[in-house]
Structure formats: C-alpha cells, structure tokens
Protein backbone atom coordinates (compact mmCIF):
# COMPACT_ATOMS: atom_id res chain seq x y z
CA MET A 1 -59.07 -3.01 -49.42
CA ILE A 2 -56.08 -4.76 -50.68
CA ILE A 3 -53.09 -3.42 -49.07
CA GLY A 4 -49.39 -4.49 -50.28
CA VAL A 5 -46.40 -4.23 -48.37
CA PRO A 6 -43.21 -4.84 -50.51
CA LYS A 7 -39.76 -5.68 -49.55
CA GLU A 8 -37.78 -2.32 -49.71
CA ILE A 9 -35.20 -2.76 -52.25
CA LYS A 10 -33.14 0.56 -51.38
CA ALA A 11 -29.92 0.11 -50.70
CA GLN A 12 -29.29 -1.54 -47.07
CA GLU A 13 -32.81 -0.29 -46.03
CA GLU A 14 -33.85 -2.87 -43.70
CA ARG A 15 -37.12 -1.44 -42.24
CA VAL A 16 -40.39 -2.59 -43.31
CA ALA A 17 -43.56 -0.71 -43.39
CA LEU A 18 -45.76 -2.43 -41.41
CA LEU A 19 -45.20 -4.50 -37.92
CA PRO A 20 -47.01 -7.92 -37.50
CA SER A 21 -49.39 -6.79 -35.50
CA ALA A 22 -51.04 -3.67 -37.28
CA VAL A 23 -51.51 -6.37 -40.29
CA TYR A 24 -53.40 -8.20 -37.72
CA GLN A 25 -55.50 -5.23 -37.27
CA LEU A 26 -56.32 -4.53 -40.50
CA ILE A 27 -57.51 -8.07 -41.33
CA GLN A 28 -59.35 -8.19 -38.41
CA SER A 29 -61.25 -5.04 -39.79
CA GLY A 30 -61.71 -7.13 -42.89
CA HIS A 31 -58.86 -6.09 -45.17
CA GLU A 32 -56.48 -8.21 -47.51
CA VAL A 33 -52.85 -7.70 -46.63
CA ILE A 34 -50.06 -8.86 -48.88
CA VAL A 35 -46.44 -9.09 -47.60
CA GLU A 36 -43.90 -9.66 -49.58
CA PHE A 37 -41.27 -12.71 -48.79
CA GLU A 38 -38.73 -11.93 -46.41
CA ALA A 39 -39.84 -8.12 -46.27
CA GLY A 40 -39.62 -8.06 -42.43
CA THR A 41 -36.75 -10.20 -41.66
CA GLY A 42 -34.09 -7.23 -41.73
CA ALA A 43 -36.20 -5.71 -38.63
CA GLY A 44 -36.50 -8.82 -36.96
CA PHE A 45 -40.17 -9.96 -37.96
CA SER A 46 -40.25 -13.14 -39.82
CA ASN A 47 -42.48 -14.73 -42.51
CA ASP A 48 -44.15 -16.66 -40.27
CA ASP A 49 -44.85 -13.73 -37.84
CA TYR A 50 -46.42 -12.44 -40.71
CA GLN A 51 -48.45 -15.46 -41.87
CA GLN A 52 -49.82 -15.97 -38.13
CA ALA A 53 -51.09 -12.68 -38.41
CA GLY A 54 -52.98 -13.56 -41.05
CA ALA A 55 -51.04 -11.81 -44.24
CA GLN A 56 -50.53 -13.90 -47.67
CA LEU A 57 -47.07 -13.79 -48.57
CA GLU A 58 -45.93 -12.68 -52.00
CA SER A 59 -42.70 -14.14 -53.54
CA ASP A 60 -42.78 -11.96 -56.43
CA HIS A 61 -41.86 -8.39 -56.07
CA ALA A 62 -44.14 -7.09 -58.89
CA GLY A 63 -46.71 -8.92 -57.86
CA VAL A 64 -47.46 -7.10 -54.37
CA PHE A 65 -47.66 -3.89 -56.71
CA GLU A 66 -50.35 -5.77 -59.11
CA ARG A 67 -52.27 -7.28 -56.53
CA SER A 68 -52.73 -4.20 -54.15
CA GLU A 69 -55.00 -1.11 -54.31
CA LEU A 70 -52.76 0.62 -51.48
CA ILE A 71 -48.77 0.09 -51.64
CA VAL A 72 -47.43 0.88 -48.29
CA LYS A 73 -43.82 1.52 -48.09
CA VAL A 74 -40.89 3.38 -45.94
CA LYS A 75 -38.74 4.82 -48.62
CA GLU A 76 -39.26 6.53 -51.99
CA PRO A 77 -40.07 3.96 -54.90
CA GLN A 78 -36.73 3.27 -56.91
CA PRO A 79 -36.39 3.85 -60.70
CA GLU A 80 -36.90 0.04 -61.53
CA GLU A 81 -40.45 0.46 -59.56
CA TYR A 82 -41.65 3.21 -61.30
CA ALA A 83 -43.56 1.07 -63.73
CA LEU A 84 -45.27 -0.78 -60.91
CA PHE A 85 -47.87 1.71 -60.31
CA ARG A 86 -50.83 2.42 -61.96
CA LYS A 87 -53.83 4.88 -62.08
CA GLY A 88 -55.85 4.27 -59.25
CA GLN A 89 -53.63 2.78 -56.88
CA THR A 90 -52.41 4.65 -54.08
CA LEU A 91 -48.59 4.74 -52.31
CA PHE A 92 -48.15 5.81 -48.74
CA THR A 93 -44.72 6.31 -47.98
CA TYR A 94 -41.49 8.78 -47.69
CA LEU A 95 -41.27 10.54 -51.07
CA HIS A 96 -39.04 13.83 -50.54
CA LEU A 97 -39.93 14.68 -53.90
CA ALA A 98 -38.40 18.18 -53.70
CA ALA A 99 -34.90 16.43 -54.15
CA ASN A 100 -35.89 14.07 -56.57
CA ARG A 101 -37.07 15.37 -60.09
CA LYS A 102 -36.73 11.63 -61.62
CA LEU A 103 -39.14 9.95 -58.92
CA THR A 104 -41.51 13.04 -59.44
CA ALA A 105 -41.69 12.55 -62.93
CA GLY A 106 -42.22 8.93 -62.82
CA LEU A 107 -45.21 9.28 -60.22
CA LEU A 108 -47.09 11.82 -62.41
CA SER A 109 -46.64 9.70 -65.57
CA THR A 110 -48.25 6.67 -63.81
CA GLY A 111 -51.19 8.63 -62.15
CA VAL A 112 -50.65 7.20 -58.78
CA THR A 113 -51.60 9.15 -56.01
CA GLY A 114 -48.53 9.88 -54.06
CA ILE A 115 -48.94 10.18 -50.19
CA ALA A 116 -45.94 11.35 -48.18
CA TYR A 117 -45.49 10.87 -44.80
CA GLU A 118 -43.32 13.65 -44.34
CA THR A 119 -45.75 16.39 -45.53
CA ILE A 120 -48.55 15.41 -43.34
CA GLU A 121 -48.78 18.37 -41.09
CA VAL A 122 -50.99 18.58 -37.49
CA ASN A 123 -50.83 21.87 -35.83
CA LYS A 124 -47.33 22.81 -37.12
CA ARG A 125 -45.84 19.42 -36.71
CA LEU A 126 -44.79 16.65 -38.83
CA PRO A 127 -46.29 13.58 -36.92
CA LEU A 128 -44.79 10.88 -39.23
CA LEU A 129 -41.37 12.42 -39.87
CA GLU A 130 -40.93 13.13 -35.94
CA PRO A 131 -39.87 9.45 -35.13
CA MET A 132 -37.27 9.53 -37.84
CA SER A 133 -36.07 12.64 -37.21
CA GLU A 134 -35.34 11.86 -33.53
CA ILE A 135 -33.89 8.59 -34.39
CA ALA A 136 -31.56 10.69 -37.26
CA GLY A 137 -30.57 13.03 -34.52
CA ARG A 138 -29.83 10.66 -31.86
CA MET A 139 -27.52 8.83 -34.63
CA SER A 140 -26.07 11.85 -35.79
CA VAL A 141 -23.85 12.32 -32.77
CA LEU A 142 -22.71 8.34 -32.77
CA MET A 143 -21.92 8.48 -36.16
CA GLY A 144 -20.00 11.77 -35.82
CA ALA A 145 -18.43 10.59 -33.03
CA TYR A 146 -17.11 7.75 -34.32
CA PHE A 147 -15.81 9.21 -37.63
CA LEU A 148 -13.66 11.83 -35.48
CA THR A 149 -11.58 8.77 -34.55
CA ARG A 150 -8.01 8.94 -36.24
CA HIS A 151 -8.19 5.37 -38.01
CA THR A 152 -11.18 6.20 -39.84
CA GLY A 153 -9.36 9.71 -41.06
CA GLY A 154 -11.17 12.03 -38.32
CA SER A 155 -9.38 14.51 -36.44
CA GLY A 156 -8.90 12.14 -33.59
CA VAL A 157 -10.89 14.50 -30.69
CA LEU A 158 -12.73 12.35 -28.26
CA LEU A 159 -15.99 14.52 -28.20
CA GLY A 160 -16.54 14.24 -24.25
CA GLY A 161 -12.98 15.09 -23.43
CA VAL A 162 -11.23 13.95 -20.02
CA PRO A 163 -10.35 15.55 -17.06
CA GLY A 164 -7.62 17.91 -17.89
CA VAL A 165 -8.56 17.90 -21.74
CA LEU A 166 -11.51 20.20 -23.08
CA PRO A 167 -14.55 18.22 -24.82
CA GLY A 168 -15.13 18.56 -28.40
CA LYS A 169 -17.36 21.10 -29.92
CA VAL A 170 -20.56 20.05 -31.41
CA VAL A 171 -22.66 22.66 -33.92
CA VAL A 172 -26.24 21.55 -34.87
CA LEU A 173 -27.96 23.71 -37.56
CA GLY A 174 -31.89 23.62 -36.75
CA GLY A 175 -33.52 23.27 -33.61
CA GLY A 176 -36.31 21.19 -34.74
CA VAL A 177 -36.81 17.41 -33.59
CA ALA A 178 -33.74 16.21 -35.17
CA GLY A 179 -31.64 19.23 -33.53
CA ILE A 180 -32.99 18.95 -30.38
CA ASN A 181 -32.47 14.99 -30.20
CA ALA A 182 -29.03 15.50 -31.82
CA ALA A 183 -28.21 18.05 -28.94
CA ARG A 184 -29.36 15.75 -26.27
CA MET A 185 -27.06 12.77 -27.47
CA ALA A 186 -24.21 15.57 -27.63
CA THR A 187 -24.46 17.03 -24.55
CA GLY A 188 -25.21 13.36 -22.57
CA LEU A 189 -21.90 12.75 -24.21
CA GLY A 190 -20.26 15.43 -22.42
CA ALA A 191 -19.60 17.69 -25.62
CA ASP A 192 -19.72 21.50 -25.73
CA VAL A 193 -22.86 22.24 -27.85
CA THR A 194 -24.51 25.05 -29.73
CA VAL A 195 -27.86 25.17 -31.53
CA LEU A 196 -28.64 27.52 -34.07
CA ASP A 197 -32.03 28.48 -35.15
CA VAL A 198 -33.85 31.66 -36.44
CA ASP A 199 -37.00 30.88 -34.19
CA MET A 200 -36.80 32.94 -30.75
CA GLU A 201 -39.64 30.65 -29.10
CA ARG A 202 -37.76 27.85 -30.19
CA MET A 203 -34.55 28.82 -28.61
CA ARG A 204 -36.09 29.64 -25.82
CA PHE A 205 -37.53 26.33 -25.65
CA LEU A 206 -34.33 24.57 -26.16
CA ASP A 207 -32.36 27.09 -23.64
CA VAL A 208 -34.74 25.76 -20.83
CA THR A 209 -34.98 21.97 -21.57
CA LEU A 210 -31.09 21.41 -22.91
CA HIS A 211 -29.58 23.20 -19.86
CA THR A 212 -25.89 22.73 -20.81
CA ALA A 213 -26.48 23.46 -24.62
CA HIS A 214 -25.75 26.73 -25.93
CA THR A 215 -28.34 28.71 -28.43
CA LEU A 216 -27.40 31.09 -31.20
CA TYR A 217 -29.37 32.88 -33.89
CA SER A 218 -28.51 31.46 -37.12
CA ASN A 219 -26.83 33.74 -39.45
CA GLU A 220 -23.77 33.68 -41.79
CA ASP A 221 -21.54 35.68 -39.47
CA HIS A 222 -22.49 33.48 -36.21
CA LEU A 223 -21.74 30.50 -38.40
CA LEU A 224 -18.43 31.57 -39.56
CA GLY A 225 -17.36 32.41 -36.13
CA LEU A 226 -17.80 28.91 -35.02
CA LEU A 227 -16.64 26.74 -37.87
CA PRO A 228 -12.86 27.11 -37.07
CA ASP A 229 -13.53 25.20 -33.41
CA VAL A 230 -16.20 22.67 -34.59
CA ASP A 231 -15.49 19.03 -34.55
CA ILE A 232 -19.08 17.84 -35.62
CA LEU A 233 -21.12 19.99 -37.43
CA ILE A 234 -24.76 18.26 -38.00
CA GLY A 235 -27.14 19.85 -40.45
CA ALA A 236 -30.68 19.54 -39.26
CA VAL A 237 -32.53 22.02 -41.19
CA LEU A 238 -35.97 20.86 -42.49
CA LEU A 239 -38.59 23.09 -44.75
CA PRO A 240 -41.66 20.99 -44.82
CA GLY A 241 -41.80 19.12 -48.36
CA ALA A 242 -39.38 21.55 -49.74
CA LYS A 243 -35.60 21.39 -50.71
CA ALA A 244 -33.20 22.07 -47.96
CA PRO A 245 -31.22 25.34 -48.21
CA LYS A 246 -27.74 25.14 -48.52
CA LEU A 247 -26.34 27.14 -45.49
CA ILE A 248 -22.95 25.92 -45.64
CA ARG A 249 -21.01 26.66 -48.65
CA ARG A 250 -18.01 25.26 -50.04
CA ASP A 251 -15.70 28.12 -48.66
CA MET A 252 -17.10 28.17 -45.54
CA LEU A 253 -16.32 24.40 -44.98
CA ARG A 254 -12.73 25.46 -45.62
CA GLN A 255 -12.69 27.43 -42.27
CA MET A 256 -13.24 24.10 -40.37
CA ARG A 257 -10.22 22.11 -39.03
CA PRO A 258 -9.15 18.99 -41.29
CA GLY A 259 -10.46 15.62 -40.00
CA SER A 260 -13.79 17.55 -38.46
CA VAL A 261 -17.25 15.62 -39.37
CA VAL A 262 -20.18 16.72 -41.10
CA VAL A 263 -23.03 14.76 -40.89
CA ASP A 264 -25.99 15.89 -42.88
CA ILE A 265 -29.39 14.60 -41.97
CA ALA A 266 -30.90 16.84 -44.37
CA ILE A 267 -29.73 14.88 -47.12
CA ASP A 268 -32.85 13.29 -47.93
CA GLN A 269 -34.15 16.68 -48.81
CA GLY A 270 -30.74 17.70 -50.93
CA GLY A 271 -28.86 18.57 -47.94
CA CYS A 272 -27.68 21.78 -46.42
CA VAL A 273 -24.12 21.53 -47.10
CA GLU A 274 -23.07 22.42 -50.54
CA THR A 275 -20.56 19.46 -50.80
CA SER A 276 -22.96 16.77 -49.39
CA ARG A 277 -24.13 13.93 -51.69
CA PRO A 278 -25.85 10.84 -50.75
CA THR A 279 -24.13 7.74 -49.01
CA THR A 280 -24.96 4.01 -48.18
CA HIS A 281 -24.75 2.67 -44.92
CA LEU A 282 -21.78 0.13 -46.07
CA ASP A 283 -19.74 3.33 -47.73
CA PRO A 284 -21.15 6.13 -45.40
CA ILE A 285 -18.39 8.64 -45.42
CA PHE A 286 -16.34 10.67 -48.17
CA THR A 287 -13.91 13.38 -47.82
CA GLU A 288 -14.19 16.87 -49.16
CA GLU A 289 -11.96 19.91 -48.47
CA LYS A 290 -10.37 17.60 -45.74
CA ILE A 291 -13.69 17.13 -43.92
CA GLN A 292 -15.23 13.99 -43.36
CA HIS A 293 -18.90 13.87 -44.58
CA TYR A 294 -21.50 11.57 -43.47
CA CYS A 295 -24.50 11.65 -45.60
CA VAL A 296 -26.24 8.13 -45.20
CA ALA A 297 -29.88 8.78 -46.98
CA ASN A 298 -31.71 6.54 -45.00
CA MET A 299 -30.13 6.78 -41.32
CA PRO A 300 -32.68 5.13 -39.69
CA ALA A 301 -32.64 2.06 -41.42
CA ALA A 302 -29.43 1.24 -39.52
CA TYR A 303 -31.59 0.77 -36.36
CA SER A 304 -34.33 -0.98 -38.35
CA ARG A 305 -36.24 -2.86 -35.60
CA THR A 306 -36.78 0.46 -33.47
CA ALA A 307 -37.21 2.22 -36.63
CA THR A 308 -40.15 -0.10 -37.75
CA GLN A 309 -42.12 0.06 -34.34
CA ALA A 310 -41.73 3.70 -34.26
CA LEU A 311 -42.82 4.41 -37.85
CA THR A 312 -46.02 1.93 -37.50
CA ASN A 313 -46.79 3.81 -34.14
CA VAL A 314 -47.37 7.02 -36.12
CA THR A 315 -48.48 5.32 -39.38
CA PHE A 316 -51.25 3.11 -38.41
CA ARG A 317 -54.15 5.12 -37.65
CA TYR A 318 -53.85 6.82 -41.36
CA ILE A 319 -53.61 3.52 -43.21
CA GLN A 320 -56.62 2.40 -41.36
CA LEU A 321 -58.52 5.32 -42.11
CA ILE A 322 -57.47 5.01 -45.95
CA ALA A 323 -58.47 1.29 -45.78
CA ASP A 324 -61.49 1.64 -43.86
CA HIS A 325 -63.03 4.63 -45.76
CA GLY A 326 -61.24 5.07 -49.00
CA LEU A 327 -58.75 8.02 -49.65
CA GLU A 328 -61.51 11.06 -49.86
CA GLU A 329 -63.67 10.19 -47.02
CA ALA A 330 -60.09 9.44 -44.88
CA CYS A 331 -59.47 12.85 -45.64
CA ARG A 332 -62.47 14.37 -44.84
CA ARG A 333 -62.45 12.71 -41.48
CA GLU A 334 -58.64 13.63 -40.88
CA PRO A 335 -57.76 16.42 -42.92
CA SER A 336 -54.27 16.43 -42.08
CA LEU A 337 -54.09 13.64 -44.69
CA ALA A 338 -54.92 15.60 -47.57
CA GLY A 339 -51.53 17.49 -46.89
CA GLY A 340 -49.64 14.36 -47.77
CA ILE A 341 -51.21 13.87 -51.32
CA ASN A 342 -48.60 15.05 -53.66
CA THR A 343 -49.39 13.42 -56.91
CA ARG A 344 -52.81 11.90 -58.04
CA GLU A 345 -53.89 11.15 -61.53
CA GLY A 346 -50.82 13.08 -63.01
CA ARG A 347 -51.22 16.37 -61.06
CA LEU A 348 -49.04 17.64 -58.70
CA HIS A 349 -50.47 19.11 -55.43
CA GLN A 350 -47.64 20.08 -53.19
CA ARG A 351 -46.83 23.59 -53.86
CA ALA A 352 -42.74 23.38 -52.55
CA VAL A 353 -42.45 20.58 -54.93
CA ALA A 354 -43.36 21.95 -57.95
CA GLU A 355 -41.31 25.36 -57.03
CA ALA A 356 -38.44 23.22 -56.77
CA HIS A 357 -38.64 21.38 -60.15
CA GLY A 358 -40.71 24.37 -61.78
CA LEU A 359 -43.73 21.79 -62.69
CA PRO A 360 -47.49 23.09 -62.70
CA PHE A 361 -49.18 23.15 -59.19
CA GLU A 362 -52.77 22.21 -58.71
CA GLU A 363 -54.75 22.83 -55.54
CA LEU A 364 -56.41 19.94 -54.45
CA ALA A 365 -59.98 20.15 -55.51
CA TRP A 366 -61.64 18.22 -52.63
CA SER A 367 -63.38 19.77 -49.63
CA CYS A 368 -61.16 18.25 -47.17
CA GLN A 369 -58.25 20.31 -48.46
CA ILE A 370 -56.05 22.16 -45.96
C-alpha cells in the first residue's frame, strides 16, 4: 500500500503522524511511504531521518495526496485540503466532526473513507485519544498557572501559595483521562483541587488515587457553589464522538473572580464553556466577562516531539493492519477499528456526528461492525 504523510498546515501544528522508525517498519513490510518535505522538522525529525528510514520525500503538498492510498495525519484536514481527497482513498487522523459541519460536508462530498482516531473505542476506552488527553490535561495546569500572572491579565494568584498564604483553587470538570492528568499536575503544584464528575465509580477511583484532591458530584448547584472561589477552571468533559455539552453558561462565568482562568480542553469538540472559541498557540488567550480564556484547539502541538512519539505508539498497529490487509479485513481482525469509520463513499457512519448536524446516518454494513 502507498501511505502518505503530509506536513500539517493547521496553525502552529508541529506534530507529524509517523515517526521515522514507524516508516522504516512499514517499508520493511513491503509498503511505500511518501513523506512531505519537512513534515517532521517541527517535532525534531529531519528529512534525512525519513530518507534513511526508506521514505520517498515529496516537496508538493498536493502531490502527497495524489500519490497515496492511505493518508495519515495528526489534525483534521483544513478547508484548502478538502478537494485533495478522492473516493477510494482512506484518511486516518483526528477528525472531531461533531464540532465541524464544513469538514463533515467536505469529506462526504469527496467520498473519502474518514477514520477518526478519537472514535476508536476498546473496552470503554479511547486508546488513540488518551495520549493527547494526557498531554492536554497536564499542560492545562501549566498554561492556567502562567495566565494567572498579573502581567498577562490574570488575578496574580500563585497556584501553590507560600507559607502563610493559601494555595489557589482549581476545579476540573470531568474525571476522565484529561481530567485526572490535570488534577495530578495541579495537586503536584500544591493547589487546592476539586474534580467534578457524574460517575460514582470514577470518583471512588479518583478519591483513592489522587489522595489530596476532592471529588464532587457534578451538577449545576455544586458548580455554582465553587465558581466564586475558583482560580483555574479546567473543562475536561468528553462525550465520545459527540459535541461537548455547554456546562458553563455566560451568566455562571460572571460568578468567577476577575482575572481567573478558564482552560477549555474540550474546545476540539466545540467546548464545554458557552463563551469559548478556538484560539492558537501564538494568540492563545482572550477575555470574556473579565475571565481569561485559554482555548487552543491543538494543545499537544506545543510539545510536538513528545506528542508525536506518544501518538505513533498507539496509532501504528492500526496503520500496519490497514496497510497489510486493507480496511475491511483490518476491521475483521481488529473490530474496534470499525468504530473509527466516520465517513465512507459519501455516507456518514458515526451516529453522534449525524445527530450533531442533523444529517442522515447509516450503519456500517460490514460484518466487522461494532
């Protein structure tokens, strides 16, 4: 199979979809790999690294798409890339279609098979999303703590406090992978941390593992009771494949102290705060209702080398399966892969995406359907 690795063109996206070592393994298995010139430089992997692995370098962005049967990316295609796809081609990347109707329509119109990392589910886990959630969760506290500084417009609160001064308060919405990693970082810095969730078993797990963090059942009343004292509010809510619920309305945000910080990790799925809108690493912050909002839509790209390594660790076995056996047989061998198929031949196979956009949904007809 011919596998293409284009350079990411989303703003400040420095990750690359495959490590040189993964490219080498694919080539040793008899496949061709086309890597766009400088696709890996932002993550610390040079053109020479890919050439030594056996990849063919392609200087033309469109040329990678034209020559490849399987396109492997990190982030969702940008509008100028929609026309580069074709029927019979397979795209494997993060898609987050429920928050992006234009992209959904673009993929459907081309007939490309769009497989989303974030909707592949194994035993109620999302193994291809988890590494990026871990990075985003840990990073959320670092960014939140920085933007509490007075010179950035924050309230001037040092998250860990000092002797004689109470630490800052962090509230984490959601006790999943991103949430628990945010809570771990915040407790490590000495903050007063509360995690809200609706899953009692999850809260028992958090209570045992986090020790110093508090857990609280998530409802509006409890949230309103916490907001006046919060220094950093971290939105880590996830409904697999679906648009994030708006748990924080504008009127609720007004309960927070001026200069407090919201970090909306869920912004890829539309955000869980009403006032959130996507930002970039070069312009990460905006202020609404006197509250700092950090809503970077590709947070892990800031740590591109770590993120690239972590991503390839979990995606490679699926890429190898597709390359070795074709998509349908790969799904039979690994049924969870079928859950990643969002679009195929102009049809939408992800129910949550169809519901988000009011579009027709079709069950995947293959026997590998999960």
